[in-house]
Amino acid sequence: MKKRLLIAAVATLLPLFAEGGAYDDLIGSAKLGDTRTVAEILQKGASINTTDIEGNTLLMLAARDGHVELVDYLIRQRVKLDARNSAGDTALRLAAFRGHPAVVEKLIAGGAAVNMPGWTPLNYAAFAGHVEIVRLLLKAGADVNSPSENGTTPLIAASRGGHIEVVRLLLAGKADPNKPQDSGETALDVARKNQHTDIGELLLKAGGKSGRSVTIEVR
């Protein structure tokens, strides 16, 4: 009797172990950009929207590490393009931040959202100084003045990082040089604080002003 129960218990657990192994293989293959293995596991019934413990979907994992072929495959299989992980990031946000223009192009062409509340893909690309990706996102209709949760615009993000070519692109795209973040600081204030004098001069020529209040002492 005990032997039969043991056999039954093992038989019940085997599919769980197999499923766990398939899960690990799927996540690992997505990280490596192994399109063939991912496709084989999905064809056996795994969900295309499987996530890791941090909420990263297969698409996010592939986009984050620049695996263009896998990203293309997942898009063609109708993966959820705008799913978010535990940090609130989408696949396009991750690709924009990590600097993968070919992946960004695929995601945009597939219909991924360019604009969203909070840190947008453009904010991320500007912060990281990825000129080509900034250009792609602007062409796709990204809001050049979209602020993050604390009011940081793409122009402020680029000015903080000293990315002058990105600053030029954003200004050419009608970025507002005087849109302040929650602290009241403008892109000019941020550039000066971080000693990016060349960007400060560029912002001044574009009509940029300081957002800091001036206190006049009366004697």
C-alpha atoms as a PDB file:
ATOM      1  CA  MET A   1       0.000   0.000   0.000  1.00  0.00           C
ATOM      2  CA  LYS A   2       2.753   2.419   1.002  1.00  0.00           C
ATOM      3  CA  LYS A   3       4.678   1.567  -2.161  1.00  0.00           C
ATOM      4  CA  ARG A   4       1.656   2.343  -4.336  1.00  0.00           C
ATOM      5  CA  LEU A   5       1.167   5.668  -2.556  1.00  0.00           C
ATOM      6  CA  LEU A   6       4.837   6.552  -3.084  1.00  0.00           C
ATOM      7  CA  ILE A   7       4.610   5.730  -6.788  1.00  0.00           C
ATOM      8  CA  ALA A   8       1.448   7.839  -7.086  1.00  0.00           C
ATOM      9  CA  ALA A   9       3.120  10.776  -5.323  1.00  0.00           C
ATOM     10  CA  VAL A  10       6.149  10.612  -7.594  1.00  0.00           C
ATOM     11  CA  ALA A  11       3.912  10.431 -10.652  1.00  0.00           C
ATOM     12  CA  THR A  12       2.099  13.548  -9.456  1.00  0.00           C
ATOM     13  CA  LEU A  13       5.307  15.490  -8.851  1.00  0.00           C
ATOM     14  CA  LEU A  14       7.092  14.599 -12.087  1.00  0.00           C
ATOM     15  CA  PRO A  15       5.059  16.981 -14.284  1.00  0.00           C
ATOM     16  CA  LEU A  16       5.750  19.764 -11.795  1.00  0.00           C
ATOM     17  CA  PHE A  17       9.492  19.137 -11.983  1.00  0.00           C
ATOM     18  CA  ALA A  18       9.285  18.974 -15.767  1.00  0.00           C
ATOM     19  CA  GLU A  19       7.283  22.204 -15.865  1.00  0.00           C
ATOM     20  CA  GLY A  20       9.802  23.904 -13.595  1.00  0.00           C
ATOM     21  CA  GLY A  21      12.634  22.788 -15.863  1.00  0.00           C
ATOM     22  CA  ALA A  22      10.812  24.087 -18.915  1.00  0.00           C
ATOM     23  CA  TYR A  23      10.254  27.408 -17.164  1.00  0.00           C
ATOM     24  CA  ASP A  24      13.947  27.769 -16.346  1.00  0.00           C
ATOM     25  CA  ASP A  25      14.867  26.808 -19.908  1.00  0.00           C
ATOM     26  CA  LEU A  26      12.409  29.343 -21.322  1.00  0.00           C
ATOM     27  CA  ILE A  27      13.648  32.234 -19.183  1.00  0.00           C
ATOM     28  CA  GLY A  28      17.286  31.283 -19.716  1.00  0.00           C
ATOM     29  CA  SER A  29      16.837  30.989 -23.467  1.00  0.00           C
ATOM     30  CA  ALA A  30      15.135  34.379 -23.654  1.00  0.00           C
ATOM     31  CA  LYS A  31      18.080  35.967 -21.832  1.00  0.00           C
ATOM     32  CA  LEU A  32      20.486  34.339 -24.291  1.00  0.00           C
ATOM     33  CA  GLY A  33      18.407  35.301 -27.317  1.00  0.00           C
ATOM     34  CA  ASP A  34      17.965  31.642 -28.286  1.00  0.00           C
ATOM     35  CA  THR A  35      14.976  31.997 -30.602  1.00  0.00           C
ATOM     36  CA  ARG A  36      14.847  28.344 -31.628  1.00  0.00           C
ATOM     37  CA  THR A  37      14.652  27.014 -28.073  1.00  0.00           C
ATOM     38  CA  VAL A  38      12.125  29.639 -27.045  1.00  0.00           C
ATOM     39  CA  ALA A  39       9.961  28.721 -30.040  1.00  0.00           C
ATOM     40  CA  GLU A  40      10.176  24.998 -29.241  1.00  0.00           C
ATOM     41  CA  ILE A  41       9.090  25.514 -25.630  1.00  0.00           C
ATOM     42  CA  LEU A  42       6.255  27.827 -26.639  1.00  0.00           C
ATOM     43  CA  GLN A  43       5.031  25.286 -29.173  1.00  0.00           C
ATOM     44  CA  LYS A  44       4.734  22.775 -26.322  1.00  0.00           C
ATOM     45  CA  GLY A  45       2.208  25.032 -24.600  1.00  0.00           C
ATOM     46  CA  ALA A  46       4.195  27.558 -22.531  1.00  0.00           C
ATOM     47  CA  SER A  47       2.754  31.066 -22.383  1.00  0.00           C
ATOM     48  CA  ILE A  48       4.371  33.661 -24.608  1.00  0.00           C
ATOM     49  CA  ASN A  49       3.802  36.164 -21.803  1.00  0.00           C
ATOM     50  CA  THR A  50       5.699  34.149 -19.187  1.00  0.00           C
ATOM     51  CA  THR A  51       7.570  36.362 -16.711  1.00  0.00           C
ATOM     52  CA  ASP A  52      10.580  35.943 -14.457  1.00  0.00           C
ATOM     53  CA  ILE A  53      10.412  36.668 -10.710  1.00  0.00           C
ATOM     54  CA  GLU A  54      10.824  40.407 -11.378  1.00  0.00           C
ATOM     55  CA  GLY A  55       7.934  40.498 -13.798  1.00  0.00           C
ATOM     56  CA  ASN A  56      10.092  40.686 -16.918  1.00  0.00           C
ATOM     57  CA  THR A  57       8.371  39.061 -19.877  1.00  0.00           C
ATOM     58  CA  LEU A  58      10.264  37.122 -22.527  1.00  0.00           C
ATOM     59  CA  LEU A  59      10.018  40.211 -24.726  1.00  0.00           C
ATOM     60  CA  MET A  60      11.519  42.425 -22.025  1.00  0.00           C
ATOM     61  CA  LEU A  61      14.409  40.029 -21.469  1.00  0.00           C
ATOM     62  CA  ALA A  62      15.134  39.887 -25.198  1.00  0.00           C
ATOM     63  CA  ALA A  63      14.732  43.648 -25.693  1.00  0.00           C
ATOM     64  CA  ARG A  64      16.873  44.512 -22.683  1.00  0.00           C
ATOM     65  CA  ASP A  65      19.837  42.576 -24.056  1.00  0.00           C
ATOM     66  CA  GLY A  66      19.420  43.525 -27.704  1.00  0.00           C
ATOM     67  CA  HIS A  67      18.287  40.179 -29.153  1.00  0.00           C
ATOM     68  CA  VAL A  68      16.661  41.498 -32.330  1.00  0.00           C
ATOM     69  CA  GLU A  69      15.745  38.128 -33.880  1.00  0.00           C
ATOM     70  CA  LEU A  70      13.940  36.967 -30.741  1.00  0.00           C
ATOM     71  CA  VAL A  71      12.179  40.300 -30.345  1.00  0.00           C
ATOM     72  CA  ASP A  72      10.966  40.045 -33.942  1.00  0.00           C
ATOM     73  CA  TYR A  73       9.748  36.474 -33.397  1.00  0.00           C
ATOM     74  CA  LEU A  74       7.840  37.364 -30.217  1.00  0.00           C
ATOM     75  CA  ILE A  75       6.192  40.367 -31.868  1.00  0.00           C
ATOM     76  CA  ARG A  76       5.037  38.161 -34.753  1.00  0.00           C
ATOM     77  CA  GLN A  77       3.577  35.742 -32.198  1.00  0.00           C
ATOM     78  CA  ARG A  78       1.443  38.590 -30.793  1.00  0.00           C
ATOM     79  CA  VAL A  79       3.180  39.013 -27.459  1.00  0.00           C
ATOM     80  CA  LYS A  80       1.917  41.750 -25.123  1.00  0.00           C
ATOM     81  CA  LEU A  81       4.031  44.682 -26.247  1.00  0.00           C
ATOM     82  CA  ASP A  82       3.330  47.064 -23.375  1.00  0.00           C
ATOM     83  CA  ALA A  83       3.383  44.739 -20.367  1.00  0.00           C
ATOM     84  CA  ARG A  84       5.229  46.184 -17.373  1.00  0.00           C
ATOM     85  CA  ASN A  85       7.625  44.566 -14.940  1.00  0.00           C
ATOM     86  CA  SER A  86       7.753  45.167 -11.188  1.00  0.00           C
ATOM     87  CA  ALA A  87       9.667  48.421 -11.754  1.00  0.00           C
ATOM     88  CA  GLY A  88       7.041  49.661 -14.204  1.00  0.00           C
ATOM     89  CA  ASP A  89       9.279  49.288 -17.259  1.00  0.00           C
ATOM     90  CA  THR A  90       8.141  48.125 -20.682  1.00  0.00           C
ATOM     91  CA  ALA A  91      10.225  46.369 -23.313  1.00  0.00           C
ATOM     92  CA  LEU A  92      10.624  49.642 -25.228  1.00  0.00           C
ATOM     93  CA  ARG A  93      11.766  51.481 -22.115  1.00  0.00           C
ATOM     94  CA  LEU A  94      14.419  48.837 -21.457  1.00  0.00           C
ATOM     95  CA  ALA A  95      15.658  48.798 -25.049  1.00  0.00           C
ATOM     96  CA  ALA A  96      15.830  52.600 -25.108  1.00  0.00           C
ATOM     97  CA  PHE A  97      17.792  52.745 -21.858  1.00  0.00           C
ATOM     98  CA  ARG A  98      20.206  49.956 -22.794  1.00  0.00           C
ATOM     99  CA  GLY A  99      20.863  51.480 -26.221  1.00  0.00           C
ATOM    100  CA  HIS A 100      19.542  48.952 -28.756  1.00  0.00           C
ATOM    101  CA  PRO A 101      18.278  50.973 -31.756  1.00  0.00           C
ATOM    102  CA  ALA A 102      17.443  47.932 -33.904  1.00  0.00           C
ATOM    103  CA  VAL A 103      15.231  46.573 -31.111  1.00  0.00           C
ATOM    104  CA  VAL A 104      13.641  49.985 -30.629  1.00  0.00           C
ATOM    105  CA  GLU A 105      12.807  50.070 -34.345  1.00  0.00           C
ATOM    106  CA  LYS A 106      11.206  46.619 -34.183  1.00  0.00           C
ATOM    107  CA  LEU A 107       9.112  47.514 -31.141  1.00  0.00           C
ATOM    108  CA  ILE A 108       7.941  50.812 -32.622  1.00  0.00           C
ATOM    109  CA  ALA A 109       7.032  49.119 -35.910  1.00  0.00           C
ATOM    110  CA  GLY A 110       5.180  46.446 -33.946  1.00  0.00           C
ATOM    111  CA  GLY A 111       3.027  49.054 -32.218  1.00  0.00           C
ATOM    112  CA  ALA A 112       4.661  49.453 -28.806  1.00  0.00           C
ATOM    113  CA  ALA A 113       3.535  52.562 -26.934  1.00  0.00           C
ATOM    114  CA  VAL A 114       5.988  55.434 -27.259  1.00  0.00           C
ATOM    115  CA  ASN A 115       4.228  57.735 -24.797  1.00  0.00           C
ATOM    116  CA  MET A 116       3.132  56.835 -21.279  1.00  0.00           C
ATOM    117  CA  PRO A 117       2.972  58.406 -17.791  1.00  0.00           C
ATOM    118  CA  GLY A 118       6.254  58.658 -15.896  1.00  0.00           C
ATOM    119  CA  TRP A 119       9.642  57.847 -17.376  1.00  0.00           C
ATOM    120  CA  THR A 120       9.058  57.359 -21.087  1.00  0.00           C
ATOM    121  CA  PRO A 121      11.394  55.591 -23.509  1.00  0.00           C
ATOM    122  CA  LEU A 122      12.503  59.054 -24.638  1.00  0.00           C
ATOM    123  CA  ASN A 123      13.335  60.064 -21.068  1.00  0.00           C
ATOM    124  CA  TYR A 124      15.447  56.936 -20.709  1.00  0.00           C
ATOM    125  CA  ALA A 125      17.226  57.376 -24.043  1.00  0.00           C
ATOM    126  CA  ALA A 126      17.961  61.034 -23.283  1.00  0.00           C
ATOM    127  CA  PHE A 127      19.232  60.185 -19.799  1.00  0.00           C
ATOM    128  CA  ALA A 128      21.588  57.550 -21.239  1.00  0.00           C
ATOM    129  CA  GLY A 129      22.676  59.734 -24.167  1.00  0.00           C
ATOM    130  CA  HIS A 130      21.579  57.429 -26.997  1.00  0.00           C
ATOM    131  CA  VAL A 131      21.360  59.871 -29.906  1.00  0.00           C
ATOM    132  CA  GLU A 132      20.096  57.447 -32.554  1.00  0.00           C
ATOM    133  CA  ILE A 133      17.339  56.152 -30.286  1.00  0.00           C
ATOM    134  CA  VAL A 134      16.270  59.678 -29.361  1.00  0.00           C
ATOM    135  CA  ARG A 135      15.991  60.411 -33.085  1.00  0.00           C
ATOM    136  CA  LEU A 136      13.910  57.267 -33.683  1.00  0.00           C
ATOM    137  CA  LEU A 137      11.532  58.028 -30.817  1.00  0.00           C
ATOM    138  CA  LEU A 138      11.014  61.643 -31.861  1.00  0.00           C
ATOM    139  CA  LYS A 139      10.243  60.487 -35.403  1.00  0.00           C
ATOM    140  CA  ALA A 140       7.720  58.016 -33.953  1.00  0.00           C
ATOM    141  CA  GLY A 141       5.872  60.818 -32.149  1.00  0.00           C
ATOM    142  CA  ALA A 142       7.372  60.738 -28.673  1.00  0.00           C
ATOM    143  CA  ASP A 143       6.318  63.700 -26.524  1.00  0.00           C
ATOM    144  CA  VAL A 144       9.474  65.799 -26.307  1.00  0.00           C
ATOM    145  CA  ASN A 145       8.329  67.524 -23.110  1.00  0.00           C
ATOM    146  CA  SER A 146       6.898  64.529 -21.251  1.00  0.00           C
ATOM    147  CA  PRO A 147       7.950  64.728 -17.571  1.00  0.00           C
ATOM    148  CA  SER A 148       8.824  61.867 -15.245  1.00  0.00           C
ATOM    149  CA  GLU A 149       7.242  61.498 -11.824  1.00  0.00           C
ATOM    150  CA  ASN A 150       9.486  64.246 -10.421  1.00  0.00           C
ATOM    151  CA  GLY A 151       9.114  66.494 -13.430  1.00  0.00           C
ATOM    152  CA  THR A 152      12.324  65.540 -15.220  1.00  0.00           C
ATOM    153  CA  THR A 153      11.874  66.127 -18.948  1.00  0.00           C
ATOM    154  CA  PRO A 154      14.049  64.492 -21.609  1.00  0.00           C
ATOM    155  CA  LEU A 155      15.871  67.822 -22.002  1.00  0.00           C
ATOM    156  CA  ILE A 156      16.627  68.015 -18.286  1.00  0.00           C
ATOM    157  CA  ALA A 157      17.774  64.380 -18.286  1.00  0.00           C
ATOM    158  CA  ALA A 158      20.128  64.975 -21.209  1.00  0.00           C
ATOM    159  CA  SER A 159      21.420  68.213 -19.683  1.00  0.00           C
ATOM    160  CA  ARG A 160      22.209  66.446 -16.419  1.00  0.00           C
ATOM    161  CA  GLY A 161      24.186  63.748 -18.210  1.00  0.00           C
ATOM    162  CA  GLY A 162      26.120  66.155 -20.417  1.00  0.00           C
ATOM    163  CA  HIS A 163      24.751  64.717 -23.659  1.00  0.00           C
ATOM    164  CA  ILE A 164      25.005  67.770 -25.887  1.00  0.00           C
ATOM    165  CA  GLU A 165      24.028  66.027 -29.157  1.00  0.00           C
ATOM    166  CA  VAL A 166      20.844  64.784 -27.512  1.00  0.00           C
ATOM    167  CA  VAL A 167      20.177  68.288 -26.209  1.00  0.00           C
ATOM    168  CA  ARG A 168      20.522  69.636 -29.750  1.00  0.00           C
ATOM    169  CA  LEU A 169      18.114  67.024 -31.077  1.00  0.00           C
ATOM    170  CA  LEU A 170      15.533  67.746 -28.395  1.00  0.00           C
ATOM    171  CA  LEU A 171      15.716  71.502 -28.909  1.00  0.00           C
ATOM    172  CA  ALA A 172      15.314  70.973 -32.656  1.00  0.00           C
ATOM    173  CA  GLY A 173      12.256  68.895 -31.783  1.00  0.00           C
ATOM    174  CA  LYS A 174      10.729  71.875 -29.928  1.00  0.00           C
ATOM    175  CA  ALA A 175      11.667  70.888 -26.384  1.00  0.00           C
ATOM    176  CA  ASP A 176      10.729  73.620 -23.895  1.00  0.00           C
ATOM    177  CA  PRO A 177      14.000  74.824 -22.307  1.00  0.00           C
ATOM    178  CA  ASN A 178      12.124  76.437 -19.428  1.00  0.00           C
ATOM    179  CA  LYS A 179       9.881  73.582 -18.332  1.00  0.00           C
ATOM    180  CA  PRO A 180      10.974  73.000 -14.707  1.00  0.00           C
ATOM    181  CA  GLN A 181      11.101  69.842 -12.672  1.00  0.00           C
ATOM    182  CA  ASP A 182       9.355  69.660  -9.295  1.00  0.00           C
ATOM    183  CA  SER A 183      12.324  71.296  -7.565  1.00  0.00           C
ATOM    184  CA  GLY A 184      11.858  74.358  -9.764  1.00  0.00           C
ATOM    185  CA  GLU A 185      15.126  73.786 -11.606  1.00  0.00           C
ATOM    186  CA  THR A 186      15.209  74.062 -15.378  1.00  0.00           C
ATOM    187  CA  ALA A 187      17.535  72.332 -17.833  1.00  0.00           C
ATOM    188  CA  LEU A 188      19.849  75.359 -17.578  1.00  0.00           C
ATOM    189  CA  ASP A 189      20.073  75.025 -13.791  1.00  0.00           C
ATOM    190  CA  VAL A 190      20.808  71.324 -14.061  1.00  0.00           C
ATOM    191  CA  ALA A 191      23.473  71.830 -16.742  1.00  0.00           C
ATOM    192  CA  ARG A 192      25.196  74.497 -14.669  1.00  0.00           C
ATOM    193  CA  LYS A 193      25.019  72.425 -11.489  1.00  0.00           C
ATOM    194  CA  ASN A 194      26.780  69.565 -13.269  1.00  0.00           C
ATOM    195  CA  GLN A 195      29.329  71.915 -14.869  1.00  0.00           C
ATOM    196  CA  HIS A 196      28.209  71.286 -18.443  1.00  0.00           C
ATOM    197  CA  THR A 197      28.971  74.818 -19.624  1.00  0.00           C
ATOM    198  CA  ASP A 198      28.684  73.958 -23.331  1.00  0.00           C
ATOM    199  CA  ILE A 199      25.130  72.743 -22.802  1.00  0.00           C
ATOM    200  CA  GLY A 200      24.401  75.798 -20.664  1.00  0.00           C
ATOM    201  CA  GLU A 201      25.443  78.071 -23.520  1.00  0.00           C
ATOM    202  CA  LEU A 202      23.318  76.107 -25.976  1.00  0.00           C
ATOM    203  CA  LEU A 203      20.289  76.389 -23.691  1.00  0.00           C
ATOM    204  CA  LEU A 204      20.811  80.121 -23.241  1.00  0.00           C
ATOM    205  CA  LYS A 205      20.833  80.583 -27.027  1.00  0.00           C
ATOM    206  CA  ALA A 206      17.552  78.641 -27.175  1.00  0.00           C
ATOM    207  CA  GLY A 207      15.967  81.011 -24.647  1.00  0.00           C
ATOM    208  CA  GLY A 208      16.659  78.934 -21.565  1.00  0.00           C
ATOM    209  CA  LYS A 209      16.400  80.612 -18.181  1.00  0.00           C
ATOM    210  CA  SER A 210      17.086  79.676 -14.590  1.00  0.00           C
ATOM    211  CA  GLY A 211      14.115  78.525 -12.566  1.00  0.00           C
ATOM    212  CA  ARG A 212      15.740  79.317  -9.250  1.00  0.00           C
ATOM    213  CA  SER A 213      14.189  82.147  -7.300  1.00  0.00           C
ATOM    214  CA  VAL A 214      16.445  85.121  -6.625  1.00  0.00           C
ATOM    215  CA  THR A 215      16.382  86.588  -3.153  1.00  0.00           C
ATOM    216  CA  ILE A 216      17.227  90.282  -2.938  1.00  0.00           C
ATOM    217  CA  GLU A 217      18.501  91.387   0.435  1.00  0.00           C
ATOM    218  CA  VAL A 218      17.267  94.846   1.431  1.00  0.00           C
ATOM    219  CA  ARG A 219      19.334  96.789   3.958  1.00  0.00           C
END
